[in-house]
Structures are given as C-alpha cells and as structure tokens.
C-alpha cells in the first residue's frame, strides 16, 4: 500500500491524506494525517498526527501526537504527546521512512 493516493498541499493551502496515506503540507499550511498515517507540517506550521501515528512539527512550530503515539517537536518549539505517550523536543535530525517516502525529521530519541 506504498504511496497510494496521497494528497499534496501547495502554496498557502494544506494537503489532506486519505485512507491509509498521508497528506503533506506546503508553504505556510499544515498537512493532516489520516487513518493509519501521519501528517507532516511544513514551513511555519505544525503537523498533526492521526489515529495510531504521530505528527511531526517542522520549522518554528511544534508537532502534536495523537492516539497512542507521541508527537515530536522541531526547531525552536516543543512537541506535545497525547494519549499514552510523551512528546519530545529536539534539534537533531533522524531519518524516517514512511511507505516509499524517505524523509528527514528533526527528531532524536
């Protein structure tokens, strides 16, 4: 189910994921995850997790976890956990692969 029907944001508007796939934000707006996949923020906006997956912040904004997974902060802001897990702020980068998309997120454990 790799890379199946994602939604991509552009300019000042967000991208919304659908089904098992993520949505990627662009410009000044966030991307919202859907079902089992996360949403990744871009620019000055946060990314919000959904269902069982975390959300990763980008730029100057935090990422908020949702469900049973944590949210990881990035840049100058913290990440706030939700559900049963904590959120960790970080300035370091860790590589994550989601489906067939490999991204670098400013995270560390």
PDB file of N, CA and C in Angstrom:
ATOM      1  N   UNK A   1       0.832  -1.210   0.000  1.00  0.00           N
ATOM      2  CA  UNK A   1       0.000   0.000   0.000  1.00  0.00           C
ATOM      3  C   UNK A   1       0.860   1.250   0.000  1.00  0.00           C
ATOM      4  N   UNK A   2       2.046   1.109  -0.551  1.00  0.00           N
ATOM      5  CA  UNK A   2       3.022   2.191  -0.514  1.00  0.00           C
ATOM      6  C   UNK A   2       2.659   3.292  -1.508  1.00  0.00           C
ATOM      7  N   UNK A   3       2.701   4.512  -1.010  1.00  0.00           N
ATOM      8  CA  UNK A   3       2.482   5.677  -1.874  1.00  0.00           C
ATOM      9  C   UNK A   3       1.168   5.605  -2.644  1.00  0.00           C
ATOM     10  N   UNK A   4       0.105   5.208  -1.964  1.00  0.00           N
ATOM     11  CA  UNK A   4      -1.188   5.051  -2.631  1.00  0.00           C
ATOM     12  C   UNK A   4      -2.093   6.244  -2.351  1.00  0.00           C
ATOM     13  N   UNK A   5      -2.281   7.062  -3.335  1.00  0.00           N
ATOM     14  CA  UNK A   5      -3.210   8.194  -3.280  1.00  0.00           C
ATOM     15  C   UNK A   5      -2.960   9.205  -2.157  1.00  0.00           C
ATOM     16  N   UNK A   6      -1.790   9.789  -2.117  1.00  0.00           N
ATOM     17  CA  UNK A   6      -1.575  10.857  -1.147  1.00  0.00           C
ATOM     18  C   UNK A   6      -2.185  12.166  -1.647  1.00  0.00           C
ATOM     19  N   UNK A   7      -2.362  13.146  -0.726  1.00  0.00           N
ATOM     20  CA  UNK A   7      -2.780  14.479  -1.128  1.00  0.00           C
ATOM     21  C   UNK A   7      -1.653  15.465  -0.870  1.00  0.00           C
ATOM     22  N   UNK A   8      -1.337  16.319  -1.829  1.00  0.00           N
ATOM     23  CA  UNK A   8      -0.217  17.237  -1.660  1.00  0.00           C
ATOM     24  C   UNK A   8      -0.707  18.680  -1.603  1.00  0.00           C
ATOM     25  N   UNK A   9      -0.263  19.399  -0.573  1.00  0.00           N
ATOM     26  CA  UNK A   9      -0.619  20.801  -0.466  1.00  0.00           C
ATOM     27  C   UNK A   9       0.307  21.647  -1.319  1.00  0.00           C
ATOM     28  N   UNK A  10      -0.120  22.855  -1.624  1.00  0.00           N
ATOM     29  CA  UNK A  10       0.685  23.742  -2.437  1.00  0.00           C
ATOM     30  C   UNK A  10       0.447  25.186  -2.030  1.00  0.00           C
ATOM     31  N   UNK A  11       1.508  25.987  -2.078  1.00  0.00           N
ATOM     32  CA  UNK A  11       1.370  27.401  -1.744  1.00  0.00           C
ATOM     33  C   UNK A  11       0.907  27.617  -0.321  1.00  0.00           C
ATOM     34  N   UNK A  12      -0.234  28.270  -0.150  1.00  0.00           N
ATOM     35  CA  UNK A  12      -0.752  28.587   1.172  1.00  0.00           C
ATOM     36  C   UNK A  12      -1.794  27.591   1.652  1.00  0.00           C
ATOM     37  N   UNK A  13      -2.003  26.518   0.897  1.00  0.00           N
ATOM     38  CA  UNK A  13      -3.064  25.587   1.263  1.00  0.00           C
ATOM     39  C   UNK A  13      -2.534  24.234   1.722  1.00  0.00           C
ATOM     40  N   UNK A  14      -3.310  23.569   2.562  1.00  0.00           N
ATOM     41  CA  UNK A  14      -2.898  22.289   3.105  1.00  0.00           C
ATOM     42  C   UNK A  14      -3.201  21.137   2.162  1.00  0.00           C
ATOM     43  N   UNK A  15      -2.540  19.995   2.418  1.00  0.00           N
ATOM     44  CA  UNK A  15      -2.872  18.754   1.719  1.00  0.00           C
ATOM     45  C   UNK A  15      -3.469  17.773   2.712  1.00  0.00           C
ATOM     46  N   UNK A  16      -4.483  17.091   2.332  1.00  0.00           N
ATOM     47  CA  UNK A  16      -5.169  16.181   3.244  1.00  0.00           C
ATOM     48  C   UNK A  16      -4.978  14.735   2.814  1.00  0.00           C
ATOM     49  N   UNK A  17      -4.557  13.900   3.762  1.00  0.00           N
ATOM     50  CA  UNK A  17      -4.386  12.478   3.470  1.00  0.00           C
ATOM     51  C   UNK A  17      -5.735  11.783   3.399  1.00  0.00           C
ATOM     52  N   UNK A  18      -5.696  10.604   2.831  1.00  0.00           N
ATOM     53  CA  UNK A  18      -6.929   9.843   2.672  1.00  0.00           C
ATOM     54  C   UNK A  18      -6.654   8.356   2.863  1.00  0.00           C
ATOM     55  N   UNK A  19      -7.551   7.656   3.499  1.00  0.00           N
ATOM     56  CA  UNK A  19      -7.387   6.227   3.706  1.00  0.00           C
ATOM     57  C   UNK A  19      -6.147   5.912   4.509  1.00  0.00           C
ATOM     58  N   UNK A  20      -5.231   5.148   3.902  1.00  0.00           N
ATOM     59  CA  UNK A  20      -4.013   4.739   4.595  1.00  0.00           C
ATOM     60  C   UNK A  20      -2.830   5.623   4.242  1.00  0.00           C
ATOM     61  N   UNK A  21      -3.073   6.705   3.528  1.00  0.00           N
ATOM     62  CA  UNK A  21      -1.966   7.521   3.042  1.00  0.00           C
ATOM     63  C   UNK A  21      -1.906   8.885   3.708  1.00  0.00           C
ATOM     64  N   UNK A  22      -0.724   9.450   3.752  1.00  0.00           N
ATOM     65  CA  UNK A  22      -0.531  10.728   4.408  1.00  0.00           C
ATOM     66  C   UNK A  22      -0.844  11.897   3.484  1.00  0.00           C
ATOM     67  N   UNK A  23      -1.041  13.063   4.097  1.00  0.00           N
ATOM     68  CA  UNK A  23      -1.137  14.307   3.353  1.00  0.00           C
ATOM     69  C   UNK A  23       0.036  15.200   3.728  1.00  0.00           C
ATOM     70  N   UNK A  24       0.634  15.872   2.766  1.00  0.00           N
ATOM     71  CA  UNK A  24       1.807  16.688   3.034  1.00  0.00           C
ATOM     72  C   UNK A  24       1.479  18.166   2.895  1.00  0.00           C
ATOM     73  N   UNK A  25       1.753  18.932   3.952  1.00  0.00           N
ATOM     74  CA  UNK A  25       1.515  20.364   3.907  1.00  0.00           C
ATOM     75  C   UNK A  25       2.619  21.065   3.133  1.00  0.00           C
ATOM     76  N   UNK A  26       2.335  22.272   2.685  1.00  0.00           N
ATOM     77  CA  UNK A  26       3.303  23.035   1.921  1.00  0.00           C
ATOM     78  C   UNK A  26       3.140  24.518   2.212  1.00  0.00           C
ATOM     79  N   UNK A  27       4.237  25.251   2.122  1.00  0.00           N
ATOM     80  CA  UNK A  27       4.177  26.686   2.368  1.00  0.00           C
ATOM     81  C   UNK A  27       3.896  27.001   3.826  1.00  0.00           C
ATOM     82  N   UNK A  28       2.836  27.765   4.079  1.00  0.00           N
ATOM     83  CA  UNK A  28       2.519  28.195   5.433  1.00  0.00           C
ATOM     84  C   UNK A  28       1.475  27.324   6.108  1.00  0.00           C
ATOM     85  N   UNK A  29       1.038  26.274   5.438  1.00  0.00           N
ATOM     86  CA  UNK A  29      -0.048  25.478   5.993  1.00  0.00           C
ATOM     87  C   UNK A  29       0.378  24.067   6.389  1.00  0.00           C
ATOM     88  N   UNK A  30      -0.387  23.479   7.298  1.00  0.00           N
ATOM     89  CA  UNK A  30      -0.060  22.161   7.802  1.00  0.00           C
ATOM     90  C   UNK A  30      -0.586  21.054   6.898  1.00  0.00           C
ATOM     91  N   UNK A  31      -0.061  19.846   7.117  1.00  0.00           N
ATOM     92  CA  UNK A  31      -0.603  18.647   6.479  1.00  0.00           C
ATOM     93  C   UNK A  31      -1.216  17.760   7.548  1.00  0.00           C
ATOM     94  N   UNK A  32      -2.341  17.217   7.288  1.00  0.00           N
ATOM     95  CA  UNK A  32      -3.044  16.410   8.279  1.00  0.00           C
ATOM     96  C   UNK A  32      -3.026  14.934   7.903  1.00  0.00           C
ATOM     97  N   UNK A  33      -2.606  14.090   8.841  1.00  0.00           N
ATOM     98  CA  UNK A  33      -2.600  12.648   8.600  1.00  0.00           C
ATOM     99  C   UNK A  33      -4.009  12.094   8.646  1.00  0.00           C
ATOM    100  N   UNK A  34      -4.139  10.910   8.127  1.00  0.00           N
ATOM    101  CA  UNK A  34      -5.446  10.272   8.086  1.00  0.00           C
ATOM    102  C   UNK A  34      -5.305   8.779   8.343  1.00  0.00           C
ATOM    103  N   UNK A  35      -6.242   8.230   9.059  1.00  0.00           N
ATOM    104  CA  UNK A  35      -6.292   6.813   9.372  1.00  0.00           C
ATOM    105  C   UNK A  35      -4.996   6.342  10.024  1.00  0.00           C
ATOM    106  N   UNK A  36      -4.189   5.521   9.335  1.00  0.00           N
ATOM    107  CA  UNK A  36      -3.001   4.945   9.965  1.00  0.00           C
ATOM    108  C   UNK A  36      -1.727   5.716   9.651  1.00  0.00           C
ATOM    109  N   UNK A  37      -1.839   6.805   8.908  1.00  0.00           N
ATOM    110  CA  UNK A  37      -0.633   7.523   8.504  1.00  0.00           C
ATOM    111  C   UNK A  37      -0.529   8.904   9.131  1.00  0.00           C
ATOM    112  N   UNK A  38       0.681   9.390   9.283  1.00  0.00           N
ATOM    113  CA  UNK A  38       0.909  10.672   9.903  1.00  0.00           C
ATOM    114  C   UNK A  38       0.763  11.821   8.912  1.00  0.00           C
ATOM    115  N   UNK A  39       0.644  13.024   9.462  1.00  0.00           N
ATOM    116  CA  UNK A  39       0.684  14.230   8.649  1.00  0.00           C
ATOM    117  C   UNK A  39       1.934  15.026   8.993  1.00  0.00           C
ATOM    118  N   UNK A  40       2.585  15.597   8.006  1.00  0.00           N
ATOM    119  CA  UNK A  40       3.832  16.320   8.236  1.00  0.00           C
ATOM    120  C   UNK A  40       3.646  17.802   7.974  1.00  0.00           C
ATOM    121  N   UNK A  41       3.991  18.611   8.954  1.00  0.00           N
ATOM    122  CA  UNK A  41       3.895  20.050   8.790  1.00  0.00           C
ATOM    123  C   UNK A  41       5.046  20.566   7.942  1.00  0.00           C
ATOM    124  N   UNK A  42       4.880  21.766   7.416  1.00  0.00           N
ATOM    125  CA  UNK A  42       5.900  22.356   6.570  1.00  0.00           C
ATOM    126  C   UNK A  42       5.948  23.859   6.789  1.00  0.00           C
ATOM    127  N   UNK A  43       7.127  24.436   6.630  1.00  0.00           N
ATOM    128  CA  UNK A  43       7.268  25.876   6.805  1.00  0.00           C
ATOM    129  C   UNK A  43       7.067  26.294   8.248  1.00  0.00           C
ATOM    130  N   UNK A  44       6.119  27.196   8.489  1.00  0.00           N
ATOM    131  CA  UNK A  44       5.891  27.733   9.823  1.00  0.00           C
ATOM    132  C   UNK A  44       4.771  27.026  10.567  1.00  0.00           C
ATOM    133  N   UNK A  45       4.229  25.978   9.975  1.00  0.00           N
ATOM    134  CA  UNK A  45       3.076  25.333  10.593  1.00  0.00           C
ATOM    135  C   UNK A  45       3.372  23.930  11.106  1.00  0.00           C
ATOM    136  N   UNK A  46       2.550  23.482  12.046  1.00  0.00           N
ATOM    137  CA  UNK A  46       2.740  22.186  12.661  1.00  0.00           C
ATOM    138  C   UNK A  46       2.153  21.064  11.825  1.00  0.00           C
ATOM    139  N   UNK A  47       2.554  19.833  12.168  1.00  0.00           N
ATOM    140  CA  UNK A  47       1.934  18.636  11.597  1.00  0.00           C
ATOM    141  C   UNK A  47       1.185  17.900  12.690  1.00  0.00           C
ATOM    142  N   UNK A  48       0.018  17.468  12.414  1.00  0.00           N
ATOM    143  CA  UNK A  48      -0.808  16.806  13.416  1.00  0.00           C
ATOM    144  C   UNK A  48      -0.946  15.320  13.123  1.00  0.00           C
ATOM    145  N   UNK A  49      -0.667  14.490  14.127  1.00  0.00           N
ATOM    146  CA  UNK A  49      -0.823  13.046  13.965  1.00  0.00           C
ATOM    147  C   UNK A  49      -2.294  12.663  13.971  1.00  0.00           C
ATOM    148  N   UNK A  50      -2.544  11.462  13.515  1.00  0.00           N
ATOM    149  CA  UNK A  50      -3.916  10.977  13.447  1.00  0.00           C
ATOM    150  C   UNK A  50      -3.954   9.481  13.721  1.00  0.00           C
ATOM    151  N   UNK A  51      -5.007   9.041  14.362  1.00  0.00           N
ATOM    152  CA  UNK A  51      -5.219   7.635  14.656  1.00  0.00           C
ATOM    153  C   UNK A  51      -4.056   7.070  15.478  1.00  0.00           C
ATOM    154  N   UNK A  52      -3.303   6.109  14.942  1.00  0.00           N
ATOM    155  CA  UNK A  52      -2.236   5.460  15.713  1.00  0.00           C
ATOM    156  C   UNK A  52      -0.855   6.032  15.409  1.00  0.00           C
ATOM    157  N   UNK A  53      -0.796   7.057  14.580  1.00  0.00           N
ATOM    158  CA  UNK A  53       0.507   7.570  14.170  1.00  0.00           C
ATOM    159  C   UNK A  53       0.795   8.968  14.707  1.00  0.00           C
ATOM    160  N   UNK A  54       2.062   9.301  14.824  1.00  0.00           N
ATOM    161  CA  UNK A  54       2.453  10.578  15.363  1.00  0.00           C
ATOM    162  C   UNK A  54       2.417  11.679  14.310  1.00  0.00           C
ATOM    163  N   UNK A  55       2.471  12.917  14.787  1.00  0.00           N
ATOM    164  CA  UNK A  55       2.620  14.066  13.908  1.00  0.00           C
ATOM    165  C   UNK A  55       3.967  14.730  14.158  1.00  0.00           C
ATOM    166  N   UNK A  56       4.628  15.178  13.115  1.00  0.00           N
ATOM    167  CA  UNK A  56       5.956  15.768  13.251  1.00  0.00           C
ATOM    168  C   UNK A  56       5.921  17.247  12.903  1.00  0.00           C
ATOM    169  N   UNK A  57       6.412  18.068  13.811  1.00  0.00           N
ATOM    170  CA  UNK A  57       6.455  19.500  13.564  1.00  0.00           C
ATOM    171  C   UNK A  57       7.609  19.859  12.641  1.00  0.00           C
ATOM    172  N   UNK A  58       7.544  21.044  12.059  1.00  0.00           N
ATOM    173  CA  UNK A  58       8.577  21.491  11.148  1.00  0.00           C
ATOM    174  C   UNK A  58       8.776  22.994  11.282  1.00  0.00           C
ATOM    175  N   UNK A  59       9.991  23.448  11.028  1.00  0.00           N
ATOM    176  CA  UNK A  59      10.279  24.873  11.118  1.00  0.00           C
ATOM    177  C   UNK A  59      10.214  25.375  12.547  1.00  0.00           C
ATOM    178  N   UNK A  60       9.390  26.399  12.797  1.00  0.00           N
ATOM    179  CA  UNK A  60       9.308  27.010  14.117  1.00  0.00           C
ATOM    180  C   UNK A  60       8.152  26.482  14.950  1.00  0.00           C
ATOM    181  N   UNK A  61       7.424  25.523  14.419  1.00  0.00           N
ATOM    182  CA  UNK A  61       6.228  25.066  15.113  1.00  0.00           C
ATOM    183  C   UNK A  61       6.340  23.639  15.638  1.00  0.00           C
ATOM    184  N   UNK A  62       5.503  23.321  16.625  1.00  0.00           N
ATOM    185  CA  UNK A  62       5.536  22.014  17.249  1.00  0.00           C
ATOM    186  C   UNK A  62       4.746  20.990  16.460  1.00  0.00           C
ATOM    187  N   UNK A  63       4.974  19.718  16.811  1.00  0.00           N
ATOM    188  CA  UNK A  63       4.167  18.620  16.279  1.00  0.00           C
ATOM    189  C   UNK A  63       3.380  17.990  17.421  1.00  0.00           C
ATOM    190  N   UNK A  64       2.161  17.691  17.184  1.00  0.00           N
ATOM    191  CA  UNK A  64       1.301  17.146  18.228  1.00  0.00           C
ATOM    192  C   UNK A  64       0.971  15.685  17.968  1.00  0.00           C
ATOM    193  N   UNK A  65       1.207  14.820  18.962  1.00  0.00           N
ATOM    194  CA  UNK A  65       0.876  13.398  18.826  1.00  0.00           C
ATOM    195  C   UNK A  65      -0.619  13.182  18.991  1.00  0.00           C
ATOM    196  N   UNK A  66      -1.041  12.021  18.562  1.00  0.00           N
ATOM    197  CA  UNK A  66      -2.456  11.681  18.638  1.00  0.00           C
ATOM    198  C   UNK A  66      -2.617  10.181  18.859  1.00  0.00           C
ATOM    199  N   UNK A  67      -3.663   9.802  19.544  1.00  0.00           N
ATOM    200  CA  UNK A  67      -3.890   8.390  19.806  1.00  0.00           C
ATOM    201  C   UNK A  67      -2.873   7.825  20.779  1.00  0.00           C
ATOM    202  N   UNK A  68      -2.193   6.754  20.381  1.00  0.00           N
ATOM    203  CA  UNK A  68      -1.232   6.095  21.269  1.00  0.00           C
ATOM    204  C   UNK A  68       0.205   6.503  20.988  1.00  0.00           C
ATOM    205  N   UNK A  69       0.403   7.400  20.052  1.00  0.00           N
ATOM    206  CA  UNK A  69       1.761   7.750  19.663  1.00  0.00           C
ATOM    207  C   UNK A  69       2.146   9.167  20.064  1.00  0.00           C
ATOM    208  N   UNK A  70       3.430   9.411  20.201  1.00  0.00           N
ATOM    209  CA  UNK A  70       3.906  10.704  20.628  1.00  0.00           C
ATOM    210  C   UNK A  70       4.019  11.683  19.469  1.00  0.00           C
ATOM    211  N   UNK A  71       4.158  12.956  19.826  1.00  0.00           N
ATOM    212  CA  UNK A  71       4.462  13.997  18.847  1.00  0.00           C
ATOM    213  C   UNK A  71       5.842  14.566  19.133  1.00  0.00           C
ATOM    214  N   UNK A  72       6.605  14.852  18.102  1.00  0.00           N
ATOM    215  CA  UNK A  72       7.975  15.312  18.279  1.00  0.00           C
ATOM    216  C   UNK A  72       8.124  16.755  17.821  1.00  0.00           C
ATOM    217  N   UNK A  73       8.691  17.576  18.684  1.00  0.00           N
ATOM    218  CA  UNK A  73       8.900  18.974  18.356  1.00  0.00           C
ATOM    219  C   UNK A  73      10.107  19.147  17.451  1.00  0.00           C
ATOM    220  N   UNK A  74      10.195  20.321  16.838  1.00  0.00           N
ATOM    221  CA  UNK A  74      11.273  20.600  15.908  1.00  0.00           C
ATOM    222  C   UNK A  74      11.617  22.078  15.934  1.00  0.00           C
ATOM    223  N   UNK A  75      12.855  22.393  15.616  1.00  0.00           N
ATOM    224  CA  UNK A  75      13.277  23.782  15.589  1.00  0.00           C
ATOM    225  C   UNK A  75      13.279  24.394  16.978  1.00  0.00           C
ATOM    226  N   UNK A  76      12.524  25.491  17.155  1.00  0.00           N
ATOM    227  CA  UNK A  76      12.530  26.226  18.417  1.00  0.00           C
ATOM    228  C   UNK A  76      11.398  25.837  19.342  1.00  0.00           C
ATOM    229  N   UNK A  77      10.526  24.954  18.893  1.00  0.00           N
ATOM    230  CA  UNK A  77       9.342  24.649  19.687  1.00  0.00           C
ATOM    231  C   UNK A  77       9.300  23.209  20.177  1.00  0.00           C
ATOM    232  N   UNK A  78       8.525  22.975  21.230  1.00  0.00           N
ATOM    233  CA  UNK A  78       8.409  21.649  21.807  1.00  0.00           C
ATOM    234  C   UNK A  78       7.397  20.800  21.058  1.00  0.00           C
ATOM    235  N   UNK A  79       7.397  19.505  21.363  1.00  0.00           N
ATOM    236  CA  UNK A  79       6.374  18.588  20.854  1.00  0.00           C
ATOM    237  C   UNK A  79       5.544  18.087  22.027  1.00  0.00           C
ATOM    238  N   UNK A  80       4.257  18.002  21.838  1.00  0.00           N
ATOM    239  CA  UNK A  80       3.370  17.603  22.917  1.00  0.00           C
ATOM    240  C   UNK A  80       2.792  16.222  22.665  1.00  0.00           C
ATOM    241  N   UNK A  81       2.970  15.312  23.616  1.00  0.00           N
ATOM    242  CA  UNK A  81       2.428  13.956  23.482  1.00  0.00           C
ATOM    243  C   UNK A  81       0.938  13.943  23.778  1.00  0.00           C
ATOM    244  N   UNK A  82       0.315  12.875  23.360  1.00  0.00           N
ATOM    245  CA  UNK A  82      -1.114  12.714  23.570  1.00  0.00           C
ATOM    246  C   UNK A  82      -1.422  11.235  23.774  1.00  0.00           C
ATOM    247  N   UNK A  83      -2.444  10.948  24.515  1.00  0.00           N
ATOM    248  CA  UNK A  83      -2.769   9.557  24.785  1.00  0.00           C
ATOM    249  C   UNK A  83      -1.850   8.979  25.842  1.00  0.00           C
ATOM    250  N   UNK A  84      -1.148   7.885  25.510  1.00  0.00           N
ATOM    251  CA  UNK A  84      -0.308   7.202  26.494  1.00  0.00           C
ATOM    252  C   UNK A  84       1.162   7.554  26.367  1.00  0.00           C
ATOM    253  N   UNK A  85       1.514   8.367  25.380  1.00  0.00           N
ATOM    254  CA  UNK A  85       2.931   8.615  25.144  1.00  0.00           C
ATOM    255  C   UNK A  85       3.342  10.069  25.325  1.00  0.00           C
ATOM    256  N   UNK A  86       4.598  10.300  25.615  1.00  0.00           N
ATOM    257  CA  UNK A  86       5.110  11.635  25.801  1.00  0.00           C
ATOM    258  C   UNK A  86       5.505  12.272  24.474  1.00  0.00           C
ATOM    259  N   UNK A  87       5.782  13.564  24.528  1.00  0.00           N
ATOM    260  CA  UNK A  87       6.311  14.285  23.365  1.00  0.00           C
ATOM    261  C   UNK A  87       7.713  14.793  23.672  1.00  0.00           C
ATOM    262  N   UNK A  88       8.603  14.727  22.697  1.00  0.00           N
ATOM    263  CA  UNK A  88       9.994  15.108  22.922  1.00  0.00           C
ATOM    264  C   UNK A  88      10.393  16.240  21.989  1.00  0.00           C
ATOM    265  N   UNK A  89      10.970  17.305  22.532  1.00  0.00           N
ATOM    266  CA  UNK A  89      11.530  18.367  21.705  1.00  0.00           C
ATOM    267  C   UNK A  89      12.944  18.005  21.300  1.00  0.00           C
ATOM    268  N   UNK A  90      13.360  18.428  20.131  1.00  0.00           N
ATOM    269  CA  UNK A  90      14.678  18.060  19.664  1.00  0.00           C
ATOM    270  C   UNK A  90      15.190  19.027  18.607  1.00  0.00           C
ATOM    271  N   UNK A  91      16.519  19.155  18.515  1.00  0.00           N
ATOM    272  CA  UNK A  91      17.135  19.955  17.470  1.00  0.00           C
ATOM    273  C   UNK A  91      17.920  19.083  16.495  1.00  0.00           C
ATOM    274  N   UNK A  92      17.955  17.780  16.769  1.00  0.00           N
ATOM    275  CA  UNK A  92      18.719  16.872  15.931  1.00  0.00           C
ATOM    276  C   UNK A  92      17.827  16.214  14.882  1.00  0.00           C
ATOM    277  N   UNK A  93      18.463  15.641  13.885  1.00  0.00           N
ATOM    278  CA  UNK A  93      17.720  15.063  12.771  1.00  0.00           C
ATOM    279  C   UNK A  93      17.825  13.550  12.763  1.00  0.00           C
ATOM    280  N   UNK A  94      16.706  12.923  12.537  1.00  0.00           N
ATOM    281  CA  UNK A  94      16.665  11.473  12.404  1.00  0.00           C
ATOM    282  C   UNK A  94      15.864  11.134  11.156  1.00  0.00           C
ATOM    283  N   UNK A  95      16.334  10.122  10.401  1.00  0.00           N
ATOM    284  CA  UNK A  95      15.655   9.767   9.160  1.00  0.00           C
ATOM    285  C   UNK A  95      14.539   8.753   9.413  1.00  0.00           C
ATOM    286  N   UNK A  96      13.398   9.028   8.799  1.00  0.00           N
ATOM    287  CA  UNK A  96      12.263   8.115   8.892  1.00  0.00           C
ATOM    288  C   UNK A  96      11.785   7.755   7.490  1.00  0.00           C
ATOM    289  N   UNK A  97      11.377   6.528   7.319  1.00  0.00           N
ATOM    290  CA  UNK A  97      10.806   6.118   6.045  1.00  0.00           C
ATOM    291  C   UNK A  97       9.331   5.779   6.249  1.00  0.00           C
ATOM    292  N   UNK A  98       8.476   6.436   5.478  1.00  0.00           N
ATOM    293  CA  UNK A  98       7.043   6.189   5.537  1.00  0.00           C
ATOM    294  C   UNK A  98       6.597   5.715   4.162  1.00  0.00           C
ATOM    295  N   UNK A  99       6.177   4.472   4.070  1.00  0.00           N
ATOM    296  CA  UNK A  99       5.842   3.915   2.765  1.00  0.00           C
ATOM    297  C   UNK A  99       7.087   3.878   1.907  1.00  0.00           C
ATOM    298  N   UNK A 100       7.037   4.501   0.728  1.00  0.00           N
ATOM    299  CA  UNK A 100       8.237   4.579  -0.088  1.00  0.00           C
ATOM    300  C   UNK A 100       8.762   5.999  -0.111  1.00  0.00           C
ATOM    301  N   UNK A 101       8.421   6.775   0.920  1.00  0.00           N
ATOM    302  CA  UNK A 101       8.905   8.148   1.020  1.00  0.00           C
ATOM    303  C   UNK A 101       9.858   8.240   2.199  1.00  0.00           C
ATOM    304  N   UNK A 102      11.088   8.582   1.917  1.00  0.00           N
ATOM    305  CA  UNK A 102      12.072   8.735   2.978  1.00  0.00           C
ATOM    306  C   UNK A 102      12.241  10.215   3.278  1.00  0.00           C
ATOM    307  N   UNK A 103      12.070  10.587   4.549  1.00  0.00           N
ATOM    308  CA  UNK A 103      12.183  11.990   4.919  1.00  0.00           C
ATOM    309  C   UNK A 103      13.143  12.137   6.084  1.00  0.00           C
ATOM    310  N   UNK A 104      13.667  13.342   6.234  1.00  0.00           N
ATOM    311  CA  UNK A 104      14.458  13.658   7.415  1.00  0.00           C
ATOM    312  C   UNK A 104      13.612  14.515   8.340  1.00  0.00           C
ATOM    313  N   UNK A 105      13.415  14.030   9.553  1.00  0.00           N
ATOM    314  CA  UNK A 105      12.664  14.798  10.531  1.00  0.00           C
ATOM    315  C   UNK A 105      13.592  15.218  11.653  1.00  0.00           C
ATOM    316  N   UNK A 106      13.408  16.413  12.172  1.00  0.00           N
ATOM    317  CA  UNK A 106      14.275  16.892  13.249  1.00  0.00           C
ATOM    318  C   UNK A 106      13.942  16.230  14.571  1.00  0.00           C
ATOM    319  N   UNK A 107      14.326  14.981  14.711  1.00  0.00           N
ATOM    320  CA  UNK A 107      13.993  14.212  15.899  1.00  0.00           C
ATOM    321  C   UNK A 107      15.211  13.528  16.471  1.00  0.00           C
ATOM    322  N   UNK A 108      15.093  13.169  17.715  1.00  0.00           N
ATOM    323  CA  UNK A 108      16.079  12.281  18.314  1.00  0.00           C
ATOM    324  C   UNK A 108      15.416  11.535  19.446  1.00  0.00           C
ATOM    325  N   UNK A 109      15.945  10.410  19.802  1.00  0.00           N
ATOM    326  CA  UNK A 109      15.390   9.668  20.934  1.00  0.00           C
ATOM    327  C   UNK A 109      16.335   9.815  22.106  1.00  0.00           C
TER     328      UNK A 109
END
